[in-house]
């Protein structure tokens, strides 16, 4: 099984419950899981994390070549799958909605490329009543047949311990 991380997984972990300077074991574990091929981050999502402040601990950590080598998914996205995911938000999304949606369709499209073997990991909570550009990653995943989970489920499944 391959777990594909949303940017919010690393951003929230660092800012809330596993700060890099306080719980380095989590970040070492994340690197190890990446090296083992269990966790990856698509390029589009990787770039989203790297766009943070250059003095941010997470940006420094993720910018290291050995971390990039461990976590970066080395694939190109299938544009037809991205389009299919975008249409799951709404069949007629506007340009403004595409901007609002951001890079999430890429994350989901990478999982959709092999839905039996890939899960999306996101901090976002399901909100089935949300429409169009306001739809959440879990709900779009469900719409296109991609499994998803939260980061604590991932930690449990892959056995994170300090």
N, C-alpha and C. Protein backbone atom coordinates (compact mmCIF):
# COMPACT_ATOMS: atom_id res chain seq x y z
N UNK A 1 0.84 -1.18 0.00
CA UNK A 1 0.00 0.00 0.00
C UNK A 1 0.88 1.24 0.00
N UNK A 2 0.50 2.22 -0.80
CA UNK A 2 1.20 3.50 -0.85
C UNK A 2 0.26 4.58 -0.34
N UNK A 3 0.74 5.35 0.61
CA UNK A 3 -0.03 6.46 1.18
C UNK A 3 0.53 7.77 0.62
N UNK A 4 -0.34 8.56 0.00
CA UNK A 4 0.05 9.83 -0.61
C UNK A 4 -0.37 10.97 0.32
N UNK A 5 0.60 11.75 0.74
CA UNK A 5 0.36 12.80 1.72
C UNK A 5 -0.11 14.10 1.10
N UNK A 6 -1.15 14.66 1.68
CA UNK A 6 -1.58 16.02 1.38
C UNK A 6 -0.61 16.96 2.11
N UNK A 7 -0.44 18.16 1.60
CA UNK A 7 0.46 19.13 2.22
C UNK A 7 0.07 19.40 3.67
N UNK A 8 -1.23 19.41 3.94
CA UNK A 8 -1.68 19.73 5.30
C UNK A 8 -1.25 18.71 6.34
N UNK A 9 -0.88 17.51 5.92
CA UNK A 9 -0.42 16.50 6.87
C UNK A 9 0.90 16.95 7.51
N UNK A 10 1.85 17.36 6.69
CA UNK A 10 3.14 17.79 7.24
C UNK A 10 3.04 19.17 7.88
N UNK A 11 2.28 20.06 7.27
CA UNK A 11 2.14 21.42 7.81
C UNK A 11 1.50 21.38 9.20
N UNK A 12 0.41 20.63 9.33
CA UNK A 12 -0.28 20.54 10.62
C UNK A 12 0.55 19.78 11.64
N UNK A 13 1.20 18.71 11.23
CA UNK A 13 2.05 17.96 12.16
C UNK A 13 3.12 18.87 12.75
N UNK A 14 3.78 19.66 11.91
CA UNK A 14 4.84 20.53 12.40
C UNK A 14 4.30 21.67 13.27
N UNK A 15 3.18 22.23 12.89
CA UNK A 15 2.68 23.40 13.62
C UNK A 15 1.87 23.04 14.87
N UNK A 16 1.40 21.81 14.96
CA UNK A 16 0.47 21.47 16.03
C UNK A 16 0.96 20.38 16.98
N UNK A 17 1.18 19.17 16.48
CA UNK A 17 1.42 18.07 17.40
C UNK A 17 2.78 17.40 17.30
N UNK A 18 3.54 17.58 16.24
CA UNK A 18 4.87 16.99 16.13
C UNK A 18 5.88 18.02 15.61
N UNK A 19 6.10 19.13 16.32
CA UNK A 19 7.07 20.10 15.82
C UNK A 19 8.43 19.43 15.58
N UNK A 20 9.05 19.78 14.48
CA UNK A 20 10.31 19.14 14.09
C UNK A 20 11.35 19.22 15.20
N UNK A 21 11.45 20.36 15.87
CA UNK A 21 12.47 20.51 16.91
C UNK A 21 12.10 19.84 18.23
N UNK A 22 10.86 19.40 18.39
CA UNK A 22 10.44 18.75 19.63
C UNK A 22 10.19 17.25 19.49
N UNK A 23 9.77 16.81 18.32
CA UNK A 23 9.50 15.39 18.09
C UNK A 23 10.21 14.95 16.81
N UNK A 24 11.54 14.98 16.81
CA UNK A 24 12.27 14.60 15.60
C UNK A 24 12.04 13.14 15.20
N UNK A 25 11.62 12.32 16.16
CA UNK A 25 11.35 10.91 15.86
C UNK A 25 10.27 10.76 14.79
N UNK A 26 9.26 11.63 14.82
CA UNK A 26 8.20 11.55 13.82
C UNK A 26 8.77 11.80 12.42
N UNK A 27 9.62 12.78 12.30
CA UNK A 27 10.16 13.17 11.01
C UNK A 27 11.15 12.13 10.49
N UNK A 28 11.90 11.51 11.41
CA UNK A 28 12.78 10.39 11.02
C UNK A 28 11.94 9.21 10.54
N UNK A 29 10.83 8.96 11.24
CA UNK A 29 9.92 7.87 10.86
C UNK A 29 9.31 8.14 9.49
N UNK A 30 8.90 9.39 9.26
CA UNK A 30 8.33 9.76 7.96
C UNK A 30 9.35 9.52 6.85
N UNK A 31 10.58 9.93 7.08
CA UNK A 31 11.64 9.70 6.10
C UNK A 31 11.83 8.20 5.86
N UNK A 32 11.86 7.42 6.93
CA UNK A 32 12.03 5.97 6.79
C UNK A 32 10.87 5.35 6.00
N UNK A 33 9.64 5.79 6.27
CA UNK A 33 8.49 5.26 5.53
C UNK A 33 8.58 5.64 4.05
N UNK A 34 9.09 6.82 3.77
CA UNK A 34 9.31 7.22 2.38
C UNK A 34 10.36 6.37 1.71
N UNK A 35 11.46 6.13 2.40
CA UNK A 35 12.53 5.28 1.86
C UNK A 35 12.04 3.86 1.62
N UNK A 36 11.11 3.41 2.45
CA UNK A 36 10.55 2.06 2.33
C UNK A 36 9.45 1.97 1.27
N UNK A 37 9.07 3.13 0.69
CA UNK A 37 8.06 3.13 -0.36
C UNK A 37 6.63 3.07 0.14
N UNK A 38 6.41 3.37 1.41
CA UNK A 38 5.05 3.32 1.96
C UNK A 38 4.35 4.67 1.94
N UNK A 39 5.15 5.74 2.01
CA UNK A 39 4.62 7.10 2.03
C UNK A 39 5.34 7.91 0.95
N UNK A 40 4.58 8.67 0.18
CA UNK A 40 5.17 9.57 -0.82
C UNK A 40 4.33 10.84 -0.89
N UNK A 41 4.91 11.84 -1.53
CA UNK A 41 4.22 13.11 -1.75
C UNK A 41 4.40 13.48 -3.21
N UNK A 42 3.31 13.66 -3.94
CA UNK A 42 3.42 14.08 -5.35
C UNK A 42 4.10 15.44 -5.48
N UNK A 43 4.75 15.66 -6.60
CA UNK A 43 5.49 16.89 -6.86
C UNK A 43 4.65 18.14 -6.61
N UNK A 44 3.43 18.14 -7.10
CA UNK A 44 2.57 19.33 -6.96
C UNK A 44 2.31 19.66 -5.49
N UNK A 45 2.21 18.64 -4.67
CA UNK A 45 1.97 18.83 -3.24
C UNK A 45 3.27 19.21 -2.54
N UNK A 46 4.36 18.57 -2.95
CA UNK A 46 5.70 18.87 -2.44
C UNK A 46 6.00 20.37 -2.62
N UNK A 47 5.71 20.86 -3.82
CA UNK A 47 5.96 22.27 -4.11
C UNK A 47 5.12 23.18 -3.22
N UNK A 48 3.91 22.76 -2.92
CA UNK A 48 3.03 23.54 -2.05
C UNK A 48 3.66 23.72 -0.66
N UNK A 49 4.24 22.65 -0.13
CA UNK A 49 4.89 22.72 1.18
C UNK A 49 6.13 23.61 1.10
N UNK A 50 6.90 23.46 0.04
CA UNK A 50 8.15 24.23 -0.10
C UNK A 50 7.91 25.72 -0.30
N UNK A 51 6.69 26.12 -0.62
CA UNK A 51 6.39 27.54 -0.82
C UNK A 51 6.25 28.31 0.49
N UNK A 52 6.42 27.62 1.61
CA UNK A 52 6.33 28.30 2.90
C UNK A 52 7.51 29.24 3.10
N UNK A 53 7.54 29.87 4.27
CA UNK A 53 8.64 30.78 4.60
C UNK A 53 9.96 30.03 4.63
N UNK A 54 10.98 30.61 4.06
CA UNK A 54 12.29 29.95 3.98
C UNK A 54 12.91 29.69 5.35
N UNK A 55 12.49 30.44 6.37
CA UNK A 55 13.02 30.23 7.72
C UNK A 55 12.18 29.22 8.51
N UNK A 56 11.14 28.69 7.90
CA UNK A 56 10.27 27.71 8.55
C UNK A 56 11.00 26.37 8.65
N UNK A 57 10.89 25.72 9.82
CA UNK A 57 11.56 24.43 10.04
C UNK A 57 11.11 23.37 9.03
N UNK A 58 9.82 23.36 8.70
CA UNK A 58 9.31 22.37 7.75
C UNK A 58 9.89 22.59 6.36
N UNK A 59 9.96 23.83 5.93
CA UNK A 59 10.53 24.13 4.61
C UNK A 59 12.00 23.72 4.57
N UNK A 60 12.73 24.00 5.63
CA UNK A 60 14.14 23.58 5.70
C UNK A 60 14.25 22.05 5.64
N UNK A 61 13.40 21.37 6.41
CA UNK A 61 13.45 19.91 6.47
C UNK A 61 13.13 19.29 5.11
N UNK A 62 12.04 19.72 4.51
CA UNK A 62 11.58 19.09 3.26
C UNK A 62 12.48 19.44 2.08
N UNK A 63 13.26 20.51 2.21
CA UNK A 63 14.15 20.94 1.13
C UNK A 63 15.47 20.19 1.10
N UNK A 64 15.73 19.39 2.11
CA UNK A 64 16.98 18.63 2.14
C UNK A 64 16.94 17.55 1.05
N UNK A 65 18.03 17.39 0.31
CA UNK A 65 18.04 16.41 -0.79
C UNK A 65 17.68 14.98 -0.36
N UNK A 66 18.14 14.53 0.80
CA UNK A 66 17.83 13.16 1.21
C UNK A 66 16.36 13.00 1.60
N UNK A 67 15.73 14.06 2.07
CA UNK A 67 14.29 14.00 2.37
C UNK A 67 13.50 14.00 1.06
N UNK A 68 13.91 14.84 0.13
CA UNK A 68 13.26 14.86 -1.19
C UNK A 68 13.36 13.49 -1.85
N UNK A 69 14.54 12.89 -1.78
CA UNK A 69 14.74 11.57 -2.38
C UNK A 69 13.84 10.52 -1.72
N UNK A 70 13.64 10.63 -0.42
CA UNK A 70 12.83 9.65 0.30
C UNK A 70 11.33 9.82 0.06
N UNK A 71 10.87 11.06 0.02
CA UNK A 71 9.42 11.30 0.02
C UNK A 71 8.79 11.66 -1.31
N UNK A 72 9.55 12.20 -2.22
CA UNK A 72 8.96 12.68 -3.48
C UNK A 72 8.54 11.51 -4.37
N UNK A 73 7.29 11.51 -4.79
CA UNK A 73 6.77 10.51 -5.72
C UNK A 73 7.34 10.81 -7.10
N UNK A 74 8.04 9.87 -7.65
CA UNK A 74 8.72 10.09 -8.92
C UNK A 74 7.86 9.55 -10.07
N UNK A 75 6.74 10.22 -10.29
CA UNK A 75 5.81 9.89 -11.36
C UNK A 75 5.30 11.19 -11.96
N UNK A 76 4.77 11.09 -13.17
CA UNK A 76 4.06 12.23 -13.74
C UNK A 76 2.57 11.91 -13.68
N UNK A 77 1.81 12.95 -13.53
CA UNK A 77 0.37 12.77 -13.37
C UNK A 77 -0.30 12.55 -14.73
N UNK A 78 -1.35 11.77 -14.74
CA UNK A 78 -2.16 11.55 -15.93
C UNK A 78 -3.18 12.69 -16.00
N UNK A 79 -3.06 13.54 -17.00
CA UNK A 79 -3.93 14.72 -17.09
C UNK A 79 -5.41 14.34 -17.22
N UNK A 80 -5.69 13.21 -17.83
CA UNK A 80 -7.09 12.76 -17.94
C UNK A 80 -7.66 12.44 -16.55
N UNK A 81 -6.82 11.89 -15.68
CA UNK A 81 -7.29 11.60 -14.32
C UNK A 81 -7.48 12.89 -13.53
N UNK A 82 -6.61 13.87 -13.74
CA UNK A 82 -6.78 15.17 -13.08
C UNK A 82 -8.11 15.78 -13.51
N UNK A 83 -8.40 15.71 -14.80
CA UNK A 83 -9.66 16.26 -15.30
C UNK A 83 -10.86 15.54 -14.70
N UNK A 84 -10.76 14.22 -14.57
CA UNK A 84 -11.84 13.44 -13.97
C UNK A 84 -12.07 13.88 -12.51
N UNK A 85 -10.98 14.12 -11.80
CA UNK A 85 -11.10 14.57 -10.41
C UNK A 85 -11.72 15.96 -10.35
N UNK A 86 -11.26 16.87 -11.20
CA UNK A 86 -11.82 18.23 -11.23
C UNK A 86 -13.33 18.17 -11.49
N UNK A 87 -13.75 17.30 -12.39
CA UNK A 87 -15.17 17.16 -12.70
C UNK A 87 -15.97 16.60 -11.52
N UNK A 88 -15.28 15.94 -10.57
CA UNK A 88 -15.96 15.46 -9.38
C UNK A 88 -16.31 16.61 -8.43
N UNK A 89 -15.60 17.72 -8.57
CA UNK A 89 -15.98 18.92 -7.81
C UNK A 89 -17.27 19.49 -8.40
N UNK A 90 -17.30 19.57 -9.71
CA UNK A 90 -18.48 20.01 -10.47
C UNK A 90 -18.13 19.85 -11.94
N UNK A 91 -19.10 19.47 -12.77
CA UNK A 91 -18.79 19.27 -14.20
C UNK A 91 -18.46 20.56 -14.94
N UNK A 92 -18.77 21.69 -14.33
CA UNK A 92 -18.57 22.97 -15.00
C UNK A 92 -17.85 23.98 -14.09
N UNK A 93 -16.75 23.55 -13.47
CA UNK A 93 -16.04 24.45 -12.55
C UNK A 93 -15.57 25.70 -13.28
N UNK A 94 -15.60 26.80 -12.58
CA UNK A 94 -15.15 28.07 -13.14
C UNK A 94 -13.65 28.24 -12.88
N UNK A 95 -13.05 29.21 -13.54
CA UNK A 95 -11.63 29.49 -13.31
C UNK A 95 -11.38 29.85 -11.85
N UNK A 96 -12.27 30.62 -11.26
CA UNK A 96 -12.13 30.99 -9.85
C UNK A 96 -12.19 29.76 -8.95
N UNK A 97 -13.05 28.81 -9.29
CA UNK A 97 -13.14 27.58 -8.50
C UNK A 97 -11.89 26.72 -8.65
N UNK A 98 -11.31 26.71 -9.83
CA UNK A 98 -10.07 25.96 -10.04
C UNK A 98 -8.98 26.52 -9.13
N UNK A 99 -8.90 27.83 -9.03
CA UNK A 99 -7.94 28.47 -8.13
C UNK A 99 -8.24 28.09 -6.68
N UNK A 100 -9.50 28.10 -6.31
CA UNK A 100 -9.93 27.74 -4.96
C UNK A 100 -9.58 26.29 -4.63
N UNK A 101 -9.78 25.40 -5.58
CA UNK A 101 -9.50 23.98 -5.38
C UNK A 101 -8.01 23.74 -5.19
N UNK A 102 -7.19 24.48 -5.89
CA UNK A 102 -5.75 24.36 -5.74
C UNK A 102 -5.19 23.08 -6.34
N UNK A 103 -4.27 22.47 -5.64
CA UNK A 103 -3.54 21.31 -6.16
C UNK A 103 -4.12 19.97 -5.74
N UNK A 104 -5.19 20.02 -4.97
CA UNK A 104 -5.80 18.77 -4.49
C UNK A 104 -6.14 17.78 -5.60
N UNK A 105 -6.65 18.22 -6.75
CA UNK A 105 -6.95 17.24 -7.80
C UNK A 105 -5.74 16.42 -8.25
N UNK A 106 -4.56 17.00 -8.18
CA UNK A 106 -3.35 16.25 -8.54
C UNK A 106 -3.12 15.12 -7.55
N UNK A 107 -3.21 15.43 -6.27
CA UNK A 107 -3.04 14.42 -5.22
C UNK A 107 -3.99 13.25 -5.44
N UNK A 108 -5.25 13.57 -5.65
CA UNK A 108 -6.27 12.53 -5.82
C UNK A 108 -6.05 11.76 -7.12
N UNK A 109 -5.62 12.44 -8.17
CA UNK A 109 -5.37 11.78 -9.46
C UNK A 109 -4.24 10.76 -9.36
N UNK A 110 -3.20 11.07 -8.60
CA UNK A 110 -2.12 10.09 -8.41
C UNK A 110 -2.64 8.84 -7.72
N UNK A 111 -3.53 9.00 -6.76
CA UNK A 111 -4.12 7.84 -6.10
C UNK A 111 -5.06 7.10 -7.05
N UNK A 112 -5.77 7.83 -7.86
CA UNK A 112 -6.71 7.24 -8.82
C UNK A 112 -5.99 6.41 -9.88
N UNK A 113 -4.72 6.68 -10.09
CA UNK A 113 -3.94 5.91 -11.07
C UNK A 113 -3.82 4.44 -10.66
N UNK A 114 -3.96 4.15 -9.38
CA UNK A 114 -3.90 2.78 -8.88
C UNK A 114 -4.74 2.69 -7.60
N UNK A 115 -6.06 2.81 -7.73
CA UNK A 115 -6.92 2.96 -6.55
C UNK A 115 -6.92 1.78 -5.59
N UNK A 116 -6.57 0.60 -6.04
CA UNK A 116 -6.54 -0.55 -5.14
C UNK A 116 -5.29 -0.53 -4.25
N UNK A 117 -4.27 0.24 -4.66
CA UNK A 117 -2.98 0.22 -3.97
C UNK A 117 -2.59 1.54 -3.33
N UNK A 118 -3.44 2.55 -3.41
CA UNK A 118 -3.05 3.88 -2.93
C UNK A 118 -4.17 4.53 -2.12
N UNK A 119 -3.77 5.19 -1.07
CA UNK A 119 -4.68 5.96 -0.23
C UNK A 119 -4.19 7.40 -0.17
N UNK A 120 -5.11 8.33 -0.08
CA UNK A 120 -4.79 9.73 0.17
C UNK A 120 -4.86 9.96 1.68
N UNK A 121 -3.86 10.66 2.21
CA UNK A 121 -3.84 11.01 3.63
C UNK A 121 -4.01 12.52 3.73
N UNK A 122 -5.03 12.95 4.45
CA UNK A 122 -5.32 14.38 4.57
C UNK A 122 -5.84 14.71 5.96
N UNK A 123 -5.61 15.94 6.38
CA UNK A 123 -6.15 16.44 7.64
C UNK A 123 -7.60 16.89 7.45
N UNK A 124 -7.99 17.17 6.23
CA UNK A 124 -9.35 17.66 5.96
C UNK A 124 -10.39 16.65 6.44
N UNK A 125 -11.47 17.18 6.97
CA UNK A 125 -12.59 16.36 7.41
C UNK A 125 -13.66 16.35 6.32
N UNK A 126 -14.33 15.24 6.21
CA UNK A 126 -15.42 15.12 5.24
C UNK A 126 -16.51 16.13 5.57
N UNK A 127 -17.05 16.74 4.53
CA UNK A 127 -18.20 17.63 4.66
C UNK A 127 -19.06 17.43 3.42
N UNK A 128 -19.85 16.36 3.41
CA UNK A 128 -20.61 15.99 2.22
C UNK A 128 -21.55 17.07 1.69
N UNK A 129 -21.95 17.99 2.55
CA UNK A 129 -22.88 19.03 2.09
C UNK A 129 -22.18 20.13 1.29
N UNK A 130 -20.85 20.17 1.33
CA UNK A 130 -20.13 21.21 0.58
C UNK A 130 -20.27 20.97 -0.92
N UNK A 131 -20.35 22.05 -1.66
CA UNK A 131 -20.56 21.96 -3.11
C UNK A 131 -19.43 22.62 -3.88
N UNK A 132 -19.23 22.12 -5.07
CA UNK A 132 -18.34 22.72 -6.07
C UNK A 132 -16.93 22.93 -5.51
N UNK A 133 -16.42 24.13 -5.59
CA UNK A 133 -15.06 24.42 -5.15
C UNK A 133 -14.85 24.28 -3.66
N UNK A 134 -15.94 24.17 -2.91
CA UNK A 134 -15.84 24.01 -1.46
C UNK A 134 -15.79 22.55 -1.03
N UNK A 135 -15.87 21.62 -1.98
CA UNK A 135 -15.82 20.20 -1.61
C UNK A 135 -14.49 19.88 -0.96
N UNK A 136 -14.51 18.94 -0.05
CA UNK A 136 -13.31 18.55 0.69
C UNK A 136 -12.66 17.33 0.04
N UNK A 137 -11.37 17.20 0.26
CA UNK A 137 -10.60 16.09 -0.31
C UNK A 137 -11.25 14.74 -0.01
N UNK A 138 -11.64 14.44 1.24
CA UNK A 138 -12.25 13.12 1.50
C UNK A 138 -13.49 12.85 0.65
N UNK A 139 -14.31 13.86 0.44
CA UNK A 139 -15.55 13.67 -0.32
C UNK A 139 -15.27 13.48 -1.80
N UNK A 140 -14.30 14.20 -2.32
CA UNK A 140 -13.93 14.02 -3.73
C UNK A 140 -13.30 12.65 -3.92
N UNK A 141 -12.46 12.23 -2.97
CA UNK A 141 -11.88 10.89 -3.04
C UNK A 141 -12.99 9.84 -3.12
N UNK A 142 -13.95 9.94 -2.25
CA UNK A 142 -15.06 8.99 -2.23
C UNK A 142 -15.81 9.01 -3.56
N UNK A 143 -16.01 10.20 -4.12
CA UNK A 143 -16.73 10.33 -5.40
C UNK A 143 -16.04 9.60 -6.54
N UNK A 144 -14.71 9.59 -6.54
CA UNK A 144 -13.98 8.97 -7.65
C UNK A 144 -13.44 7.58 -7.32
N UNK A 145 -13.77 7.07 -6.13
CA UNK A 145 -13.37 5.71 -5.78
C UNK A 145 -11.97 5.57 -5.23
N UNK A 146 -11.48 6.60 -4.55
CA UNK A 146 -10.15 6.56 -3.93
C UNK A 146 -10.33 6.48 -2.42
N UNK A 147 -9.57 5.60 -1.79
CA UNK A 147 -9.61 5.50 -0.33
C UNK A 147 -8.83 6.67 0.27
N UNK A 148 -9.23 7.08 1.46
CA UNK A 148 -8.55 8.18 2.15
C UNK A 148 -8.58 7.90 3.64
N UNK A 149 -7.68 8.56 4.35
CA UNK A 149 -7.65 8.46 5.81
C UNK A 149 -7.00 9.72 6.37
N UNK A 150 -7.09 9.85 7.68
CA UNK A 150 -6.43 10.94 8.38
C UNK A 150 -5.04 10.52 8.82
N UNK A 151 -4.23 11.47 9.26
CA UNK A 151 -2.85 11.16 9.63
C UNK A 151 -2.73 10.24 10.84
N UNK A 152 -3.65 10.30 11.78
CA UNK A 152 -3.53 9.42 12.94
C UNK A 152 -3.83 7.97 12.58
N UNK A 153 -4.72 7.77 11.61
CA UNK A 153 -4.96 6.41 11.10
C UNK A 153 -3.68 5.90 10.42
N UNK A 154 -3.05 6.74 9.64
CA UNK A 154 -1.78 6.37 9.00
C UNK A 154 -0.75 5.98 10.05
N UNK A 155 -0.61 6.80 11.08
CA UNK A 155 0.37 6.51 12.13
C UNK A 155 0.09 5.16 12.79
N UNK A 156 -1.17 4.86 12.99
CA UNK A 156 -1.54 3.59 13.62
C UNK A 156 -1.24 2.42 12.68
N UNK A 157 -1.65 2.54 11.43
CA UNK A 157 -1.46 1.45 10.47
C UNK A 157 0.03 1.15 10.25
N UNK A 158 0.84 2.20 10.17
CA UNK A 158 2.27 2.01 9.91
C UNK A 158 3.11 1.95 11.18
N UNK A 159 2.45 2.05 12.34
CA UNK A 159 3.12 1.80 13.61
C UNK A 159 4.04 2.89 14.12
N UNK A 160 3.66 4.16 13.98
CA UNK A 160 4.51 5.22 14.54
C UNK A 160 4.49 5.17 16.06
N UNK A 161 5.70 5.20 16.64
CA UNK A 161 5.88 5.26 18.10
C UNK A 161 7.10 6.12 18.39
N UNK A 162 7.07 6.77 19.56
CA UNK A 162 8.25 7.54 19.96
C UNK A 162 9.05 6.75 20.97
